Amino acid sequence: MKLGVLTRVLRHVSLAEALDYLAELGVDTVELAAGNYVGNDHCNPDVLLDDQRAFDEFRRTLDERGFAISALSCHGNPVHPDPAFAASHHQAHLKTIRLAQKLGVGVVNCLSGCPGDRDGAKCPNWISSPWPPEFSEALTWQWEAKLIPFWRGVASFAADHGVRIGIEMQPGMSVYNPATLLRLRDACGPAIGANFDPSHFFWQGIDPIAAIRVLAPAIYNAHAKDTKVNQAVVTVDGLFDTKSYTDVLNRAWLFRTVGYGHGVEVWKDIISTLRMAGYDGVISIEHEDNLMSSDEGLRKAIAFMKEALLTTRPEQVWVV
């Protein structure tokens, strides 16, 4: 396994500056944001697909510093009920897939998106209960009329370009847990897999270890991001929380730098189970901790993950 960083947290500096900084921290692999919600500050497909000189300079910036790209990220909502919004995010996906092929990058990370509850809806509608009956009817419509047809098309396009899609399971989107990920994969084929990010599982009460075992071999990418649950709030109001992420004292849970939600033994177990499940790729640090600066968060996450990571394989099976 290797350790990487999703460079969106360093979007305030140039790609060259971000790479130089990460090299000083002992990292040589990056996941690059290429559009939609995550922006494209370091990797703009509109430029890199159409301007060969810009592409060559981009490639040179990485190669001269010895960096590899583990994945491109294009998290958006391509099934949004607003047709213009959906089309914009869909086009960004397609361009990111084309750029991944050009770069020789095998995975593009996305969100599933979430449709409205019917044609003509104005906003996405994340349905989290089967009752009243119209909820179940709307959920069936979302999957059968929107999600499955859309992602079948994207899966075919990705497969034609030698790229796999890593869906990040996140509440608010139609795919938010292993069951919904596998439902989409079963309907659309093996080009669809998982971007495994345990931070979204911790606060839902999902055991990441059990999730890995269920998702294998559909895990195409993995993030290192933690979550801390505030039990004092959860005891009163439960886990679902619409307060701002900046309301750090009063939220039911917060995204944290790895090690500040769960200890190293938990992360060693996650890493070991990923290897058991057949995933031996890059673990990409994603910093979204509102209690730490990006510099402190990255430095602590890198040091923490270097202890947890398995970087070599056994020469032989020691016990049979």
Protein backbone atom coordinates (compact mmCIF):
# COMPACT_ATOMS: atom_id res chain seq x y z
CA MET A 1 0.00 0.00 0.00
CA LYS A 2 1.00 3.63 -0.47
CA LEU A 3 -0.02 6.83 1.25
CA GLY A 4 -1.42 9.71 -0.77
CA VAL A 5 -3.18 13.05 -0.30
CA LEU A 6 -6.24 14.57 -1.95
CA THR A 7 -4.75 17.94 -2.85
CA ARG A 8 -7.98 19.95 -2.67
CA VAL A 9 -6.93 21.08 0.83
CA LEU A 10 -3.94 22.79 -0.84
CA ARG A 11 -5.95 24.52 -3.57
CA HIS A 12 -4.72 27.93 -2.36
CA VAL A 13 -1.28 27.19 -3.84
CA SER A 14 -0.17 26.02 -7.27
CA LEU A 15 0.19 22.35 -8.13
CA ALA A 16 3.98 22.69 -8.11
CA GLU A 17 3.93 24.29 -4.66
CA ALA A 18 1.54 21.63 -3.35
CA LEU A 19 3.76 18.83 -4.64
CA ASP A 20 6.91 20.37 -3.20
CA TYR A 21 5.21 20.71 0.17
CA LEU A 22 3.94 17.12 0.14
CA ALA A 23 7.35 15.83 -0.91
CA GLU A 24 8.81 17.47 2.21
CA LEU A 25 6.24 15.52 4.24
CA GLY A 26 7.29 12.25 2.63
CA VAL A 27 4.37 11.76 0.23
CA ASP A 28 4.75 11.03 -3.49
CA THR A 29 1.19 10.15 -4.54
CA VAL A 30 -1.77 12.49 -5.05
CA GLU A 31 -5.46 12.38 -5.79
CA LEU A 32 -6.40 15.40 -7.86
CA ALA A 33 -9.74 17.20 -7.86
CA ALA A 34 -10.97 17.67 -11.41
CA GLY A 35 -14.36 19.36 -11.13
CA ASN A 36 -17.84 19.87 -9.69
CA TYR A 37 -18.13 20.33 -5.92
CA VAL A 38 -14.41 19.72 -5.31
CA GLY A 39 -13.18 22.24 -7.88
CA ASN A 40 -10.39 21.80 -10.40
CA ASP A 41 -7.65 24.15 -9.15
CA HIS A 42 -4.83 21.67 -9.80
CA CYS A 43 -6.35 19.64 -12.63
CA ASN A 44 -8.72 21.29 -15.10
CA PRO A 45 -9.93 18.88 -17.81
CA ASP A 46 -11.14 21.77 -19.99
CA VAL A 47 -7.54 22.93 -20.26
CA LEU A 48 -5.64 19.65 -20.15
CA LEU A 49 -7.76 17.91 -22.79
CA ASP A 50 -7.60 20.76 -25.30
CA ASP A 51 -4.15 22.29 -24.79
CA GLN A 52 -1.33 19.82 -25.38
CA ARG A 53 1.29 22.27 -24.18
CA ALA A 54 -0.56 22.71 -20.88
CA PHE A 55 -0.95 18.94 -20.59
CA ASP A 56 2.77 18.38 -21.16
CA GLU A 57 3.66 20.99 -18.54
CA PHE A 58 1.20 19.42 -16.10
CA ARG A 59 2.73 16.00 -16.69
CA ARG A 60 6.24 17.39 -16.33
CA THR A 61 5.36 19.10 -13.03
CA LEU A 62 4.41 15.71 -11.61
CA ASP A 63 7.15 13.63 -13.22
CA GLU A 64 10.03 15.90 -12.26
CA ARG A 65 9.00 15.56 -8.62
CA GLY A 66 8.41 11.83 -8.82
CA PHE A 67 4.66 11.97 -8.13
CA ALA A 68 2.03 9.47 -9.21
CA ILE A 69 -1.71 10.14 -9.47
CA SER A 70 -3.83 7.60 -7.64
CA ALA A 71 -7.23 8.89 -8.82
CA LEU A 72 -9.08 11.90 -10.14
CA SER A 73 -11.97 13.28 -8.10
CA CYS A 74 -15.11 14.77 -9.63
CA HIS A 75 -17.72 14.72 -6.86
CA GLY A 76 -21.01 16.17 -8.04
CA ASN A 77 -24.72 15.55 -8.59
CA PRO A 78 -25.20 14.56 -12.23
CA VAL A 79 -28.80 13.44 -11.60
CA HIS A 80 -29.88 16.73 -10.01
CA PRO A 81 -33.49 17.64 -10.92
CA ASP A 82 -32.32 20.94 -12.44
CA PRO A 83 -31.45 19.84 -16.01
CA ALA A 84 -28.79 22.50 -16.53
CA PHE A 85 -27.09 21.70 -13.22
CA ALA A 86 -27.19 17.96 -13.93
CA ALA A 87 -25.85 18.39 -17.47
CA SER A 88 -22.95 20.53 -16.24
CA HIS A 89 -21.94 17.95 -13.64
CA HIS A 90 -22.38 15.09 -16.11
CA GLN A 91 -20.13 16.77 -18.67
CA ALA A 92 -17.51 17.30 -15.96
CA HIS A 93 -17.64 13.56 -15.23
CA LEU A 94 -17.18 12.63 -18.87
CA LYS A 95 -14.26 15.02 -19.30
CA THR A 96 -12.63 13.71 -16.13
CA ILE A 97 -12.94 10.14 -17.40
CA ARG A 98 -11.35 11.14 -20.71
CA LEU A 99 -8.54 12.93 -18.89
CA ALA A 100 -7.98 9.92 -16.63
CA GLN A 101 -7.51 7.76 -19.70
CA LYS A 102 -5.06 10.27 -21.19
CA LEU A 103 -3.08 10.33 -17.94
CA GLY A 104 -3.18 6.57 -17.45
CA VAL A 105 -5.15 6.95 -14.20
CA GLY A 106 -7.45 4.03 -13.56
CA VAL A 107 -10.03 5.47 -11.14
CA VAL A 108 -12.34 8.48 -11.10
CA ASN A 109 -14.04 9.14 -7.76
CA CYS A 110 -17.61 10.47 -7.77
CA LEU A 111 -20.80 10.75 -5.79
CA SER A 112 -23.88 8.94 -7.02
CA GLY A 113 -25.91 12.13 -6.90
CA CYS A 114 -29.51 12.35 -5.77
CA PRO A 115 -32.53 13.09 -8.00
CA GLY A 116 -35.71 14.87 -7.09
CA ASP A 117 -38.81 12.88 -6.24
CA ARG A 118 -40.45 13.28 -9.66
CA ASP A 119 -39.99 14.94 -13.03
CA GLY A 120 -40.25 18.70 -12.58
CA ALA A 121 -38.88 18.68 -9.02
CA LYS A 122 -36.69 21.62 -8.05
CA CYS A 123 -34.38 20.12 -5.41
CA PRO A 124 -32.82 16.71 -4.72
CA ASN A 125 -34.84 14.57 -2.34
CA TRP A 126 -32.86 12.16 -0.16
CA ILE A 127 -35.38 9.59 1.05
CA SER A 128 -34.41 7.86 4.28
CA SER A 129 -37.70 6.21 5.30
CA PRO A 130 -40.11 3.83 3.52
CA TRP A 131 -43.21 5.45 4.99
CA PRO A 132 -45.55 7.19 4.19
CA PRO A 133 -46.11 5.09 1.05
CA GLU A 134 -45.33 7.94 -1.32
CA PHE A 135 -41.75 7.87 0.01
CA SER A 136 -41.28 4.29 -1.21
CA GLU A 137 -42.92 5.13 -4.53
CA ALA A 138 -40.60 8.08 -5.03
CA LEU A 139 -37.54 6.02 -4.07
CA THR A 140 -38.45 3.37 -6.63
CA TRP A 141 -38.86 6.06 -9.27
CA GLN A 142 -35.48 7.60 -8.40
CA TRP A 143 -33.66 4.33 -8.91
CA GLU A 144 -35.55 2.93 -11.87
CA ALA A 145 -36.12 6.12 -13.85
CA LYS A 146 -32.99 8.11 -12.99
CA LEU A 147 -30.09 6.49 -11.16
CA ILE A 148 -29.77 3.14 -12.91
CA PRO A 149 -30.24 4.43 -16.48
CA PHE A 150 -27.82 7.29 -15.89
CA TRP A 151 -25.06 5.25 -14.27
CA ARG A 152 -25.37 2.44 -16.82
CA GLY A 153 -24.42 5.00 -19.44
CA VAL A 154 -21.51 6.35 -17.41
CA ALA A 155 -20.29 2.85 -16.58
CA SER A 156 -20.25 1.96 -20.28
CA PHE A 157 -18.40 5.19 -21.15
CA ALA A 158 -15.87 4.60 -18.36
CA ALA A 159 -15.27 0.98 -19.39
CA ASP A 160 -14.72 2.06 -22.98
CA HIS A 161 -11.99 4.42 -21.71
CA GLY A 162 -10.32 1.88 -19.41
CA VAL A 163 -11.46 3.69 -16.25
CA ARG A 164 -13.35 2.52 -13.18
CA ILE A 165 -15.71 4.66 -11.10
CA GLY A 166 -15.27 4.85 -7.33
CA ILE A 167 -18.55 5.98 -5.77
CA GLU A 168 -18.12 7.60 -2.36
CA MET A 169 -20.96 6.48 -0.12
CA GLN A 170 -22.30 9.63 1.52
CA PRO A 171 -25.65 10.40 3.15
CA GLY A 172 -27.60 12.97 1.18
CA MET A 173 -26.78 11.00 -1.97
CA SER A 174 -28.69 7.99 -3.23
CA VAL A 175 -25.68 5.74 -2.65
CA TYR A 176 -24.69 6.15 0.99
CA ASN A 177 -23.94 2.66 2.37
CA PRO A 178 -22.75 -0.76 1.15
CA ALA A 179 -26.26 -1.97 0.28
CA THR A 180 -26.98 0.97 -2.04
CA LEU A 181 -23.48 0.81 -3.58
CA LEU A 182 -23.88 -2.86 -4.38
CA ARG A 183 -27.38 -2.25 -5.72
CA LEU A 184 -25.99 0.25 -8.21
CA ARG A 185 -23.05 -2.00 -9.08
CA ASP A 186 -25.32 -5.01 -9.64
CA ALA A 187 -27.47 -2.93 -12.00
CA CYS A 188 -24.65 -1.21 -13.88
CA GLY A 189 -21.73 -3.64 -13.89
CA PRO A 190 -18.18 -3.83 -12.53
CA ALA A 191 -17.08 -0.45 -13.85
CA ILE A 192 -18.94 0.86 -10.79
CA GLY A 193 -17.23 0.31 -7.45
CA ALA A 194 -16.51 2.02 -4.16
CA ASN A 195 -14.36 4.90 -3.02
CA PHE A 196 -14.13 3.60 0.53
CA ASP A 197 -14.24 6.50 3.01
CA PRO A 198 -14.92 5.28 6.57
CA SER A 199 -15.66 8.77 7.87
CA HIS A 200 -19.18 8.54 6.42
CA PHE A 201 -19.67 5.13 8.01
CA PHE A 202 -18.55 6.04 11.52
CA TRP A 203 -21.34 8.55 12.08
CA GLN A 204 -24.02 6.34 10.53
CA GLY A 205 -23.18 3.57 13.00
CA ILE A 206 -21.75 1.34 10.25
CA ASP A 207 -18.76 -0.81 11.20
CA PRO A 208 -16.10 -0.07 8.54
CA ILE A 209 -14.56 -3.51 9.00
CA ALA A 210 -17.86 -5.26 8.27
CA ALA A 211 -18.41 -2.89 5.33
CA ILE A 212 -15.05 -3.77 3.79
CA ARG A 213 -15.87 -7.46 3.95
CA VAL A 214 -19.21 -6.88 2.22
CA LEU A 215 -17.78 -4.56 -0.44
CA ALA A 216 -14.80 -6.70 -1.47
CA PRO A 217 -13.76 -6.84 -4.32
CA ALA A 218 -15.63 -3.68 -5.32
CA ILE A 219 -13.26 -1.26 -3.52
CA TYR A 220 -11.38 0.79 -6.13
CA ASN A 221 -10.04 3.62 -3.95
CA ALA A 222 -9.76 4.43 -0.25
CA HIS A 223 -9.70 7.62 1.80
CA ALA A 224 -8.20 8.24 5.22
CA LYS A 225 -10.61 10.57 7.01
CA ASP A 226 -11.97 10.21 10.52
CA THR A 227 -15.15 11.19 12.38
CA LYS A 228 -15.75 11.98 16.03
CA VAL A 229 -19.24 11.40 17.39
CA ASN A 230 -20.45 13.76 20.13
CA GLN A 231 -22.38 11.35 22.29
CA ALA A 232 -23.82 14.13 24.47
CA VAL A 233 -25.70 15.47 21.44
CA VAL A 234 -26.51 12.07 19.96
CA THR A 235 -28.12 10.91 23.20
CA VAL A 236 -30.66 13.72 22.91
CA ASP A 237 -31.05 14.39 19.18
CA GLY A 238 -29.63 11.38 17.33
CA LEU A 239 -27.00 11.19 14.60
CA PHE A 240 -28.68 13.08 11.76
CA ASP A 241 -27.59 16.70 12.06
CA THR A 242 -28.21 19.65 9.74
CA LYS A 243 -26.28 22.20 11.79
CA SER A 244 -23.38 23.88 10.01
CA TYR A 245 -20.08 22.01 9.95
CA THR A 246 -18.61 25.11 11.57
CA ASP A 247 -20.83 24.70 14.66
CA VAL A 248 -18.17 22.40 16.07
CA LEU A 249 -19.32 22.49 19.70
CA ASN A 250 -22.96 21.58 19.07
CA ARG A 251 -22.91 19.13 16.17
CA ALA A 252 -23.64 15.43 16.69
CA TRP A 253 -20.45 14.56 14.85
CA LEU A 254 -17.45 16.18 13.16
CA PHE A 255 -15.06 15.13 10.44
CA ARG A 256 -11.63 14.81 12.06
CA THR A 257 -8.06 14.18 11.08
CA VAL A 258 -7.28 10.47 11.36
CA GLY A 259 -6.46 9.59 14.94
CA TYR A 260 -8.75 12.24 16.41
CA GLY A 261 -11.90 10.19 15.97
CA HIS A 262 -10.55 6.67 16.36
CA GLY A 263 -7.22 5.37 17.58
CA VAL A 264 -4.45 3.67 15.67
CA GLU A 265 -5.72 0.18 16.52
CA VAL A 266 -8.97 0.91 14.66
CA TRP A 267 -7.07 2.19 11.64
CA LYS A 268 -4.65 -0.74 11.69
CA ASP A 269 -7.69 -3.01 11.58
CA ILE A 270 -9.16 -1.06 8.66
CA ILE A 271 -5.88 -1.23 6.73
CA SER A 272 -5.41 -4.94 7.44
CA THR A 273 -8.98 -5.76 6.40
CA LEU A 274 -8.60 -3.78 3.18
CA ARG A 275 -5.61 -5.97 2.34
CA MET A 276 -7.54 -9.13 3.24
CA ALA A 277 -10.31 -7.95 0.91
CA GLY A 278 -7.86 -7.54 -1.97
CA TYR A 279 -7.32 -3.79 -1.87
CA ASP A 280 -3.62 -2.99 -1.79
CA GLY A 281 -3.69 0.43 -3.44
CA VAL A 282 -3.33 4.01 -2.25
CA ILE A 283 -4.86 5.31 0.99
CA SER A 284 -5.56 8.96 0.23
CA ILE A 285 -5.69 11.42 3.13
CA GLU A 286 -8.62 13.84 2.88
CA HIS A 287 -8.39 16.75 5.30
CA GLU A 288 -11.76 18.24 6.33
CA ASP A 289 -11.09 18.90 10.02
CA ASN A 290 -12.49 22.28 11.11
CA LEU A 291 -10.44 22.19 14.32
CA MET A 292 -7.04 22.06 12.59
CA SER A 293 -5.16 24.00 9.97
CA SER A 294 -4.41 22.16 6.76
CA ASP A 295 -0.72 22.03 7.64
CA GLU A 296 -1.24 20.59 11.11
CA GLY A 297 -3.92 18.19 9.91
CA LEU A 298 -1.83 16.84 7.05
CA ARG A 299 1.34 16.50 9.12
CA LYS A 300 -0.48 14.63 11.88
CA ALA A 301 -2.44 12.47 9.45
CA ILE A 302 0.68 11.47 7.52
CA ALA A 303 2.59 10.57 10.69
CA PHE A 304 -0.42 8.63 12.02
CA MET A 305 -1.07 6.70 8.81
CA LYS A 306 2.58 5.79 8.36
CA GLU A 307 2.28 3.78 11.57
CA ALA A 308 -0.95 2.09 10.46
CA LEU A 309 -0.11 1.44 6.79
CA LEU A 310 1.09 -1.91 5.44
CA THR A 311 3.77 -1.01 2.91
CA THR A 312 5.25 -4.43 2.09
CA ARG A 313 3.84 -7.86 1.45
CA PRO A 314 4.91 -11.02 3.29
CA GLU A 315 7.57 -13.02 1.45
CA GLN A 316 5.75 -16.25 2.30
CA VAL A 317 2.84 -17.58 4.27
CA TRP A 318 4.30 -18.05 7.75
CA VAL A 319 1.58 -20.16 9.34
CA VAL A 320 -0.37 -22.83 7.47
